[in-house]
N, C-alpha and C. Protein backbone atom coordinates (compact mmCIF):
# COMPACT_ATOMS: atom_id res chain seq x y z
N MET A 1 0.85 -1.15 0.14
CA MET A 1 -0.06 0.04 0.16
C MET A 1 0.73 1.16 -0.05
N LYS A 2 0.60 2.14 -1.02
CA LYS A 2 1.29 3.55 -1.10
C LYS A 2 0.46 4.57 -0.20
N VAL A 3 0.70 5.57 0.46
CA VAL A 3 -0.11 6.34 1.01
C VAL A 3 0.56 7.89 0.43
N LEU A 4 -0.21 8.55 -0.20
CA LEU A 4 0.17 9.72 -0.81
C LEU A 4 -0.81 10.75 -0.22
N VAL A 5 -0.13 12.16 0.12
CA VAL A 5 -0.64 13.17 0.70
C VAL A 5 -0.67 14.19 -0.36
N LEU A 6 -1.78 15.05 -0.50
CA LEU A 6 -1.71 16.46 -1.10
C LEU A 6 -1.66 17.35 -0.33
N CYS A 7 -0.69 18.34 -0.46
CA CYS A 7 -0.67 19.20 0.71
C CYS A 7 -0.15 20.56 0.33
N GLY A 8 -0.59 21.82 0.96
CA GLY A 8 -0.34 23.17 0.51
C GLY A 8 -1.33 24.17 0.92
N PRO A 9 -1.40 24.92 0.51
CA PRO A 9 -2.30 26.14 0.73
C PRO A 9 -3.55 25.94 0.15
N GLU A 10 -4.74 26.49 0.96
CA GLU A 10 -6.18 26.40 0.12
C GLU A 10 -6.15 27.04 -1.27
N SER A 11 -7.03 26.27 -2.04
CA SER A 11 -7.28 26.59 -3.49
C SER A 11 -6.15 26.69 -4.36
N SER A 12 -5.37 25.66 -4.09
CA SER A 12 -4.19 25.14 -4.90
C SER A 12 -4.25 24.25 -5.88
N GLY A 13 -5.53 23.24 -5.35
CA GLY A 13 -5.94 22.20 -6.16
C GLY A 13 -5.85 20.65 -5.58
N LYS A 14 -5.66 20.81 -4.36
CA LYS A 14 -5.43 19.52 -3.59
C LYS A 14 -6.84 18.61 -3.81
N SER A 15 -7.78 19.28 -3.54
CA SER A 15 -8.90 18.22 -3.96
C SER A 15 -9.29 17.63 -5.18
N TRP A 16 -9.37 19.00 -5.95
CA TRP A 16 -9.38 18.42 -7.34
C TRP A 16 -8.43 17.52 -7.75
N LEU A 17 -7.08 17.57 -7.68
CA LEU A 17 -6.02 16.77 -7.72
C LEU A 17 -6.44 15.25 -7.48
N ALA A 18 -6.85 15.15 -6.06
CA ALA A 18 -7.17 13.98 -5.39
C ALA A 18 -8.09 13.02 -5.93
N GLY A 19 -9.24 13.95 -6.55
CA GLY A 19 -10.31 13.33 -7.29
C GLY A 19 -9.45 12.81 -8.73
N GLU A 20 -8.71 13.53 -9.21
CA GLU A 20 -8.20 13.25 -10.48
C GLU A 20 -7.37 11.72 -10.34
N ILE A 21 -6.40 11.93 -9.26
CA ILE A 21 -5.81 10.63 -9.08
C ILE A 21 -6.61 9.64 -8.73
N GLN A 22 -7.55 9.51 -7.85
CA GLN A 22 -8.31 8.33 -7.79
C GLN A 22 -9.12 8.13 -9.06
N ALA A 23 -9.48 9.00 -9.77
CA ALA A 23 -10.26 8.50 -11.25
C ALA A 23 -9.06 7.81 -11.95
N HIS A 24 -8.03 8.37 -11.86
CA HIS A 24 -6.98 7.43 -12.92
C HIS A 24 -6.35 6.26 -12.49
N PHE A 25 -6.08 6.30 -11.05
CA PHE A 25 -5.62 4.92 -10.61
C PHE A 25 -6.38 4.16 -9.47
N GLY A 26 -7.46 4.72 -9.19
CA GLY A 26 -8.24 3.96 -8.23
C GLY A 26 -7.71 4.25 -6.94
N GLY A 27 -7.90 3.37 -6.00
CA GLY A 27 -7.50 3.64 -4.56
C GLY A 27 -8.61 4.08 -3.68
N VAL A 28 -8.24 4.68 -2.33
CA VAL A 28 -9.19 5.24 -1.29
C VAL A 28 -8.76 6.58 -1.31
N LEU A 29 -9.88 7.35 -1.46
CA LEU A 29 -9.65 9.02 -1.37
C LEU A 29 -10.13 9.38 0.26
N VAL A 30 -9.10 9.86 0.87
CA VAL A 30 -9.74 10.34 2.24
C VAL A 30 -9.78 11.95 2.05
N GLY A 31 -10.96 12.61 2.57
CA GLY A 31 -11.20 13.85 2.20
C GLY A 31 -10.64 14.71 3.46
N GLU A 32 -10.89 16.06 3.53
CA GLU A 32 -10.62 16.87 4.61
C GLU A 32 -11.70 16.79 5.62
N TYR A 33 -11.37 16.40 6.98
CA TYR A 33 -12.31 16.10 7.96
C TYR A 33 -13.02 17.75 8.30
N VAL A 34 -11.96 18.58 8.25
CA VAL A 34 -12.46 19.80 8.81
C VAL A 34 -13.34 20.59 8.09
N ARG A 35 -13.80 20.32 6.75
CA ARG A 35 -14.67 20.69 6.15
C ARG A 35 -16.12 20.18 6.46
N HIS A 36 -16.06 18.90 6.67
CA HIS A 36 -17.07 17.92 7.45
C HIS A 36 -17.57 18.55 8.66
N PHE A 37 -16.52 18.93 9.50
CA PHE A 37 -16.61 19.43 10.72
C PHE A 37 -17.38 20.78 10.54
N MET A 38 -16.80 21.79 9.70
CA MET A 38 -17.27 23.13 9.80
C MET A 38 -18.88 23.32 9.18
N GLU A 39 -19.19 22.05 8.09
CA GLU A 39 -20.38 22.05 7.68
C GLU A 39 -21.21 21.65 8.53
N ARG A 40 -21.06 20.62 9.39
CA ARG A 40 -21.84 19.95 10.50
C ARG A 40 -22.26 21.00 11.67
N GLU A 41 -21.13 21.73 12.30
CA GLU A 41 -21.30 22.50 13.25
C GLU A 41 -21.90 23.99 12.74
N GLN A 42 -21.82 24.19 11.43
CA GLN A 42 -22.11 25.43 10.87
C GLN A 42 -21.66 26.76 11.60
N ARG A 43 -20.30 26.74 11.87
CA ARG A 43 -19.51 27.82 12.67
C ARG A 43 -18.07 27.88 12.05
N ASP A 44 -17.47 28.84 12.43
CA ASP A 44 -15.88 28.78 12.17
C ASP A 44 -15.52 28.11 13.38
N THR A 45 -14.20 27.56 13.14
CA THR A 45 -13.51 26.92 14.27
C THR A 45 -13.16 27.44 15.15
N CYS A 46 -13.01 27.09 16.49
CA CYS A 46 -12.01 27.76 17.51
C CYS A 46 -10.95 26.75 17.87
N TYR A 47 -10.10 27.20 18.81
CA TYR A 47 -8.78 26.62 19.54
C TYR A 47 -9.38 25.26 19.95
N ALA A 48 -10.27 25.30 20.57
CA ALA A 48 -10.72 24.10 21.49
C ALA A 48 -11.49 23.02 20.45
N ASP A 49 -11.73 23.35 19.16
CA ASP A 49 -12.10 22.32 18.18
C ASP A 49 -10.86 21.58 17.60
N ILE A 50 -9.49 21.79 17.58
CA ILE A 50 -8.42 21.47 16.94
C ILE A 50 -8.20 19.94 17.18
N PRO A 51 -8.17 19.45 18.77
CA PRO A 51 -8.15 18.00 18.81
C PRO A 51 -9.13 17.38 18.42
N ALA A 52 -10.59 17.77 18.18
CA ALA A 52 -11.55 17.08 17.83
C ALA A 52 -11.35 16.78 15.93
N ILE A 53 -11.07 18.02 15.59
CA ILE A 53 -10.62 17.97 14.15
C ILE A 53 -9.60 17.00 13.65
N ALA A 54 -8.39 17.08 14.62
CA ALA A 54 -7.22 16.34 14.15
C ALA A 54 -7.53 14.56 14.30
N ARG A 55 -8.62 14.36 15.40
CA ARG A 55 -8.81 13.00 15.83
C ARG A 55 -9.45 12.39 14.51
N GLY A 56 -10.53 13.59 14.06
CA GLY A 56 -11.52 12.99 12.98
C GLY A 56 -10.52 12.87 11.83
N GLN A 57 -9.82 13.70 11.51
CA GLN A 57 -8.91 13.34 10.29
C GLN A 57 -8.07 11.94 10.31
N LEU A 58 -7.48 11.69 11.53
CA LEU A 58 -6.88 10.52 11.57
C LEU A 58 -7.73 9.22 11.51
N ALA A 59 -8.90 9.57 12.08
CA ALA A 59 -9.80 8.42 12.12
C ALA A 59 -10.02 8.30 10.43
N TRP A 60 -10.43 9.14 9.99
CA TRP A 60 -10.62 8.84 8.59
C TRP A 60 -9.47 8.18 7.74
N GLU A 61 -8.44 8.65 8.15
CA GLU A 61 -7.04 8.02 7.61
C GLU A 61 -6.96 6.58 8.04
N ASP A 62 -7.23 6.32 9.04
CA ASP A 62 -7.05 4.99 9.62
C ASP A 62 -7.81 4.16 9.05
N GLN A 63 -9.18 4.46 8.83
CA GLN A 63 -10.23 3.51 8.19
C GLN A 63 -9.85 3.40 6.61
N ALA A 64 -9.18 4.41 5.93
CA ALA A 64 -8.64 3.86 4.56
C ALA A 64 -7.75 2.96 4.84
N ARG A 65 -6.57 3.25 5.64
CA ARG A 65 -5.42 2.34 5.48
C ARG A 65 -5.89 1.11 5.80
N ALA A 66 -7.01 0.54 6.75
CA ALA A 66 -7.41 -0.51 7.11
C ALA A 66 -7.99 -1.38 6.03
N GLN A 67 -8.29 -0.55 5.16
CA GLN A 67 -8.89 -1.38 3.90
C GLN A 67 -7.73 -2.16 3.05
N THR A 68 -6.32 -1.44 3.28
CA THR A 68 -5.25 -1.88 2.71
C THR A 68 -5.44 -1.89 1.07
N PRO A 69 -5.92 -0.74 0.57
CA PRO A 69 -5.88 -0.73 -0.92
C PRO A 69 -4.50 -0.40 -1.29
N GLY A 70 -4.22 -0.63 -2.64
CA GLY A 70 -3.06 -0.11 -3.20
C GLY A 70 -2.39 1.26 -3.27
N LEU A 71 -3.48 1.91 -2.79
CA LEU A 71 -3.22 3.72 -2.82
C LEU A 71 -4.09 4.24 -1.85
N VAL A 72 -3.75 4.80 -1.02
CA VAL A 72 -4.45 5.68 -0.23
C VAL A 72 -3.91 7.29 -0.54
N ILE A 73 -5.12 7.98 -1.07
CA ILE A 73 -5.14 9.14 -1.19
C ILE A 73 -5.60 10.43 -0.29
N LEU A 74 -4.53 10.93 0.24
CA LEU A 74 -5.32 11.84 1.36
C LEU A 74 -5.28 13.54 1.15
N ASP A 75 -6.41 13.97 0.94
CA ASP A 75 -6.62 15.29 0.40
C ASP A 75 -5.94 16.06 1.49
N THR A 76 -5.63 15.69 2.70
CA THR A 76 -4.65 16.43 3.61
C THR A 76 -4.32 15.54 4.76
N HIS A 77 -3.33 16.11 5.68
CA HIS A 77 -3.26 15.23 6.81
C HIS A 77 -2.80 16.19 7.97
N LEU A 78 -2.53 15.62 8.89
CA LEU A 78 -2.18 16.38 10.36
C LEU A 78 -1.46 17.80 10.23
N LEU A 79 -0.74 17.62 9.17
CA LEU A 79 0.13 19.01 9.22
C LEU A 79 -0.71 20.14 8.74
N SER A 80 -1.40 19.91 7.88
CA SER A 80 -2.56 21.00 7.57
C SER A 80 -3.21 21.50 8.91
N ASN A 81 -3.65 20.50 9.81
CA ASN A 81 -4.35 20.98 10.90
C ASN A 81 -3.33 21.78 11.96
N ILE A 82 -2.11 21.35 11.88
CA ILE A 82 -1.02 21.99 12.79
C ILE A 82 -0.60 23.45 12.21
N LEU A 83 -0.79 23.43 11.22
CA LEU A 83 -0.41 24.50 10.55
C LEU A 83 -1.50 25.45 10.58
N TRP A 84 -2.72 25.35 10.38
CA TRP A 84 -3.87 25.98 10.62
C TRP A 84 -3.90 26.40 11.78
N SER A 85 -3.72 25.44 12.85
CA SER A 85 -3.98 25.90 14.41
C SER A 85 -2.84 26.98 14.62
N ARG A 86 -1.73 27.01 14.19
CA ARG A 86 -0.53 28.04 14.63
C ARG A 86 -0.76 29.36 13.72
N ALA A 87 -1.52 29.40 12.31
CA ALA A 87 -1.74 30.56 11.91
C ALA A 87 -2.94 31.34 12.32
N LEU A 88 -4.44 30.37 12.95
CA LEU A 88 -5.28 30.93 13.16
C LEU A 88 -5.38 31.12 14.67
N PHE A 89 -4.70 30.29 15.74
CA PHE A 89 -4.67 30.75 17.16
C PHE A 89 -3.14 30.78 17.64
N ASP A 90 -2.22 30.79 16.84
CA ASP A 90 -1.05 31.13 17.24
C ASP A 90 -0.45 30.10 18.60
N ASP A 91 -1.21 28.84 18.19
CA ASP A 91 -1.04 27.88 19.19
C ASP A 91 -1.19 26.48 18.60
N CYS A 92 -0.86 25.34 18.96
CA CYS A 92 -1.26 23.85 18.24
C CYS A 92 -0.90 22.98 19.63
N PRO A 93 -1.85 22.20 19.99
CA PRO A 93 -1.48 20.90 20.80
C PRO A 93 -0.40 20.06 20.36
N ALA A 94 0.37 19.94 21.26
CA ALA A 94 1.70 19.23 21.06
C ALA A 94 1.43 17.92 20.54
N TRP A 95 0.59 17.07 20.99
CA TRP A 95 0.26 15.82 20.40
C TRP A 95 0.44 15.63 18.97
N LEU A 96 -0.40 16.69 18.20
CA LEU A 96 -0.56 16.65 16.74
C LEU A 96 0.68 16.07 16.20
N GLU A 97 1.64 17.10 16.08
CA GLU A 97 2.95 17.08 15.56
C GLU A 97 3.62 15.63 16.07
N GLN A 98 3.59 15.35 17.37
CA GLN A 98 4.24 14.11 17.67
C GLN A 98 3.52 12.93 16.92
N THR A 99 2.10 12.93 16.93
CA THR A 99 1.72 11.88 16.39
C THR A 99 2.06 11.73 15.03
N LEU A 100 1.86 12.97 14.10
CA LEU A 100 2.28 13.06 12.65
C LEU A 100 3.62 12.30 12.53
N LYS A 101 4.63 12.81 13.35
CA LYS A 101 5.96 12.17 13.04
C LYS A 101 5.85 10.56 13.43
N THR A 102 4.97 9.86 13.87
CA THR A 102 4.95 8.43 13.80
C THR A 102 4.43 7.77 12.89
N ARG A 103 3.83 8.72 11.95
CA ARG A 103 3.18 7.87 10.54
C ARG A 103 3.94 8.04 9.45
N HIS A 104 3.86 7.06 8.69
CA HIS A 104 4.42 6.76 7.27
C HIS A 104 3.54 7.19 6.13
N TYR A 105 4.27 8.33 5.24
CA TYR A 105 3.92 8.44 4.07
C TYR A 105 4.65 8.45 2.93
N ASP A 106 4.05 8.03 2.00
CA ASP A 106 5.16 7.48 0.64
C ASP A 106 5.70 8.67 0.01
N LEU A 107 4.52 9.72 -0.11
CA LEU A 107 4.96 11.00 -1.08
C LEU A 107 3.90 11.99 -0.80
N HIS A 108 4.47 13.07 -0.23
CA HIS A 108 3.51 14.34 -0.55
C HIS A 108 3.70 15.00 -1.79
N LEU A 109 2.51 15.59 -2.43
CA LEU A 109 2.42 16.41 -3.46
C LEU A 109 2.51 17.95 -3.03
N LEU A 110 3.28 18.70 -2.92
CA LEU A 110 3.31 20.03 -2.51
C LEU A 110 2.81 20.88 -3.30
N LEU A 111 1.54 21.34 -3.36
CA LEU A 111 0.98 22.67 -4.48
C LEU A 111 1.32 24.04 -4.03
N ARG A 112 1.95 24.70 -5.00
CA ARG A 112 2.63 25.95 -4.96
C ARG A 112 1.46 26.75 -5.01
N PRO A 113 0.87 27.99 -4.54
CA PRO A 113 -0.29 29.03 -4.47
C PRO A 113 -0.21 29.68 -5.92
N GLU A 114 0.95 29.94 -6.75
CA GLU A 114 1.04 30.75 -7.67
C GLU A 114 0.58 29.77 -9.05
N GLY A 115 0.18 30.61 -9.94
CA GLY A 115 -0.23 29.86 -11.13
C GLY A 115 -1.62 29.43 -11.38
N VAL A 116 -2.54 29.45 -10.19
CA VAL A 116 -4.03 29.29 -10.24
C VAL A 116 -4.59 30.27 -9.33
N GLU A 117 -5.67 30.68 -9.56
CA GLU A 117 -6.42 31.70 -8.95
C GLU A 117 -7.25 31.14 -7.70
N TRP A 118 -7.09 32.03 -6.91
CA TRP A 118 -7.70 31.58 -5.50
C TRP A 118 -9.51 31.84 -5.87
N VAL A 119 -10.15 30.89 -5.10
CA VAL A 119 -11.71 30.85 -5.35
C VAL A 119 -12.09 30.45 -3.76
N GLY A 120 -13.02 31.54 -3.55
CA GLY A 120 -13.43 31.46 -2.23
C GLY A 120 -14.72 30.39 -2.61
N ASP A 121 -14.78 30.12 -1.40
CA ASP A 121 -16.01 28.62 -1.20
C ASP A 121 -16.97 28.78 0.05
N GLY A 122 -16.63 30.09 0.61
CA GLY A 122 -17.36 30.12 2.31
C GLY A 122 -16.43 29.46 3.37
N LEU A 123 -15.46 28.74 3.01
CA LEU A 123 -14.79 28.15 4.31
C LEU A 123 -13.25 28.49 4.11
N ARG A 124 -12.96 29.01 2.88
CA ARG A 124 -11.40 29.48 2.84
C ARG A 124 -11.55 31.03 3.36
N CYS A 125 -10.27 31.01 3.65
CA CYS A 125 -10.03 32.27 4.31
C CYS A 125 -8.49 33.12 4.13
N GLN A 126 -7.97 32.76 3.08
CA GLN A 126 -6.56 33.36 2.75
C GLN A 126 -6.70 33.74 1.18
N PRO A 127 -7.60 34.66 1.03
CA PRO A 127 -7.30 35.45 -0.31
C PRO A 127 -6.17 36.08 -1.06
N ARG A 128 -5.38 36.11 0.03
CA ARG A 128 -4.10 36.99 -0.42
C ARG A 128 -3.13 36.08 -0.65
N LEU A 129 -2.22 36.30 -2.10
CA LEU A 129 -1.19 35.34 -2.23
C LEU A 129 -0.06 35.24 -1.10
N GLU A 130 0.15 36.21 -0.60
CA GLU A 130 1.09 36.46 0.44
C GLU A 130 0.80 35.49 1.57
N GLU A 131 -0.45 35.14 2.05
CA GLU A 131 -0.79 34.44 3.06
C GLU A 131 -0.73 32.89 2.51
N ARG A 132 -1.09 32.47 1.39
CA ARG A 132 -0.84 31.18 0.78
C ARG A 132 0.42 30.95 0.63
N GLN A 133 1.37 31.80 0.13
CA GLN A 133 2.49 31.63 0.03
C GLN A 133 3.51 31.45 1.49
N GLN A 134 2.99 32.05 2.60
CA GLN A 134 3.78 31.73 3.86
C GLN A 134 3.25 30.17 4.32
N PHE A 135 1.87 29.78 3.95
CA PHE A 135 1.59 28.38 4.29
C PHE A 135 2.31 27.35 3.42
N PHE A 136 2.27 27.82 2.14
CA PHE A 136 3.49 26.88 1.32
C PHE A 136 4.75 26.79 1.86
N ASP A 137 5.38 27.90 2.34
CA ASP A 137 6.65 28.11 2.79
C ASP A 137 6.70 27.21 4.13
N ASP A 138 5.76 27.32 5.18
CA ASP A 138 5.82 26.70 6.40
C ASP A 138 5.66 25.18 6.13
N THR A 139 4.78 24.79 5.02
CA THR A 139 4.72 23.26 4.61
C THR A 139 5.96 22.70 4.32
N LEU A 140 6.62 23.40 3.34
CA LEU A 140 7.79 22.92 2.66
C LEU A 140 8.93 22.86 3.71
N GLN A 141 9.17 23.88 4.54
CA GLN A 141 10.14 23.70 5.76
C GLN A 141 9.75 22.45 6.65
N TRP A 142 8.46 22.29 7.25
CA TRP A 142 8.40 21.08 7.76
C TRP A 142 8.64 19.89 7.13
N LEU A 143 8.45 19.58 6.03
CA LEU A 143 8.66 18.47 5.09
C LEU A 143 10.28 18.23 4.94
N GLN A 144 10.98 19.52 4.89
CA GLN A 144 12.22 19.32 4.78
C GLN A 144 13.07 18.78 6.01
N ARG A 145 12.60 19.64 6.92
CA ARG A 145 13.00 19.37 8.45
C ARG A 145 12.79 17.87 8.87
N GLN A 146 11.68 17.07 8.43
CA GLN A 146 11.25 15.91 8.77
C GLN A 146 12.01 14.77 7.84
N HIS A 147 12.47 15.40 6.87
CA HIS A 147 13.18 14.32 5.84
C HIS A 147 11.82 13.42 5.10
N GLN A 148 10.82 14.27 4.67
CA GLN A 148 9.81 13.30 4.02
C GLN A 148 9.66 13.77 2.63
N PRO A 149 9.42 12.65 1.88
CA PRO A 149 9.39 12.67 0.43
C PRO A 149 8.32 13.41 0.06
N TYR A 150 8.65 14.14 -0.92
CA TYR A 150 7.78 15.41 -1.48
C TYR A 150 8.29 15.74 -3.00
N GLN A 151 7.14 16.27 -3.77
CA GLN A 151 7.56 16.82 -4.95
C GLN A 151 6.44 18.00 -5.14
N VAL A 152 7.10 19.20 -5.49
CA VAL A 152 6.45 20.26 -5.55
C VAL A 152 5.83 20.42 -6.84
N LEU A 153 4.63 20.56 -7.08
CA LEU A 153 3.53 20.62 -7.90
C LEU A 153 3.39 22.67 -8.47
N ASP A 154 3.37 22.78 -9.66
CA ASP A 154 3.06 24.28 -10.10
C ASP A 154 2.61 24.28 -11.15
N GLY A 155 2.30 25.69 -11.79
CA GLY A 155 1.66 25.61 -13.06
C GLY A 155 0.27 25.92 -12.87
N ASP A 156 -0.24 25.82 -14.22
CA ASP A 156 -1.65 25.91 -14.50
C ASP A 156 -2.23 24.63 -13.93
N TRP A 157 -3.71 24.61 -14.22
CA TRP A 157 -4.23 23.25 -13.59
C TRP A 157 -3.79 22.12 -14.63
N ALA A 158 -3.75 22.14 -16.18
CA ALA A 158 -3.29 21.18 -16.47
C ALA A 158 -2.10 20.73 -16.22
N GLN A 159 -1.02 21.58 -16.15
CA GLN A 159 0.45 21.29 -15.80
C GLN A 159 0.41 20.45 -14.56
N ARG A 160 -0.34 20.84 -13.28
CA ARG A 160 -0.54 20.19 -12.26
C ARG A 160 -1.14 18.87 -12.10
N GLY A 161 -2.07 19.00 -13.04
CA GLY A 161 -2.80 17.39 -13.31
C GLY A 161 -1.81 16.44 -13.96
N ALA A 162 -1.11 16.79 -14.84
CA ALA A 162 0.11 16.12 -15.69
C ALA A 162 1.05 15.64 -14.55
N ALA A 163 1.50 16.70 -13.91
CA ALA A 163 2.84 16.50 -13.02
C ALA A 163 2.22 15.44 -11.91
N ALA A 164 1.09 15.64 -11.37
CA ALA A 164 0.54 14.83 -10.27
C ALA A 164 0.47 13.30 -10.80
N LEU A 165 -0.30 13.07 -11.94
CA LEU A 165 -0.40 11.72 -12.44
C LEU A 165 0.88 11.09 -12.70
N ALA A 166 1.73 11.85 -13.41
CA ALA A 166 3.43 11.20 -13.54
C ALA A 166 4.03 10.81 -12.32
N ALA A 167 4.09 11.79 -11.28
CA ALA A 167 4.20 11.51 -9.91
C ALA A 167 3.68 10.17 -9.08
N VAL A 168 2.43 10.24 -9.61
CA VAL A 168 1.59 8.72 -8.75
C VAL A 168 2.26 7.47 -9.33
N ALA A 169 2.14 7.83 -10.91
CA ALA A 169 2.75 6.59 -11.68
C ALA A 169 4.05 6.12 -11.30
N ARG A 170 5.02 7.06 -11.18
CA ARG A 170 6.18 6.62 -10.68
C ARG A 170 6.15 6.06 -9.19
N LEU A 171 5.48 6.40 -8.21
CA LEU A 171 5.11 6.18 -6.88
C LEU A 171 4.88 4.79 -7.15
N LEU A 172 3.81 4.34 -7.65
CA LEU A 172 3.19 2.87 -7.86
C LEU A 172 4.13 2.01 -8.45
N ASP A 173 4.93 2.62 -9.49
CA ASP A 173 5.88 1.73 -9.79
C ASP A 173 7.04 1.57 -9.15
N GLY A 174 7.31 1.97 -7.91
CA GLY A 174 8.34 1.66 -6.95
C GLY A 174 9.63 2.91 -7.25
N GLN A 175 9.21 3.71 -7.81
CA GLN A 175 10.30 4.60 -8.35
C GLN A 175 10.39 5.89 -7.27
N ALA A 176 11.58 6.46 -7.36
CA ALA A 176 11.65 7.70 -6.16
C ALA A 176 10.84 8.87 -6.97
N PRO A 177 10.64 9.85 -6.19
CA PRO A 177 9.92 11.13 -6.76
C PRO A 177 10.77 11.69 -7.53
N ALA A 178 10.43 12.27 -8.83
CA ALA A 178 11.33 12.78 -9.68
C ALA A 178 11.40 14.05 -8.99
N CYS A 179 12.47 14.57 -8.35
CA CYS A 179 12.86 15.99 -7.89
C CYS A 179 14.10 15.85 -7.65
N ALA A 180 14.58 16.89 -7.58
CA ALA A 180 16.47 16.88 -7.34
C ALA A 180 16.43 17.20 -5.56
N THR A 181 16.82 18.41 -5.27
CA THR A 181 17.02 18.76 -4.11
C THR A 181 15.72 18.64 -3.11
N GLU A 182 14.31 18.32 -3.75
CA GLU A 182 13.13 18.49 -2.94
C GLU A 182 12.94 17.36 -1.88
N CYS A 183 13.81 16.15 -2.55
CA CYS A 183 13.39 14.97 -1.49
C CYS A 183 14.50 14.47 -0.77
């Protein structure tokens, strides 16, 4: 089983790419628990919600892993919860990062904010490119510090789609990610 994570700032194509990857390769797709949480609660999140959101995301991920498909596609994972908690509340429960470090992921596809337009959907809150760039930078720094396998995707929608499908094909063929200093 290979576990793929799509990560990066909002409105950079993670959910769309997750669907494209699943349509092309099959596997089990795990969505963003925080969206489910916010739609269910009908309110913005607060710091006290972070543990419940993280536990929900982990439960969804664990359910997918338990099915032992050839490919698990994560629209997000705990790193997003960590970075959003820090960005919105200037704090994060320590157990989130400790838990994330114990889990195995085969590849992170990190999406740049440039090259595609931000689209508001009622839940997104970073319309300024500078904010999304900071989220990208924070994600990249964490992946590098933790020596996680990743590949940066950029360009327009077609370029992101083609690069993502090529990266997943390499992953499923047992090849290392096609990147130089990024991995």
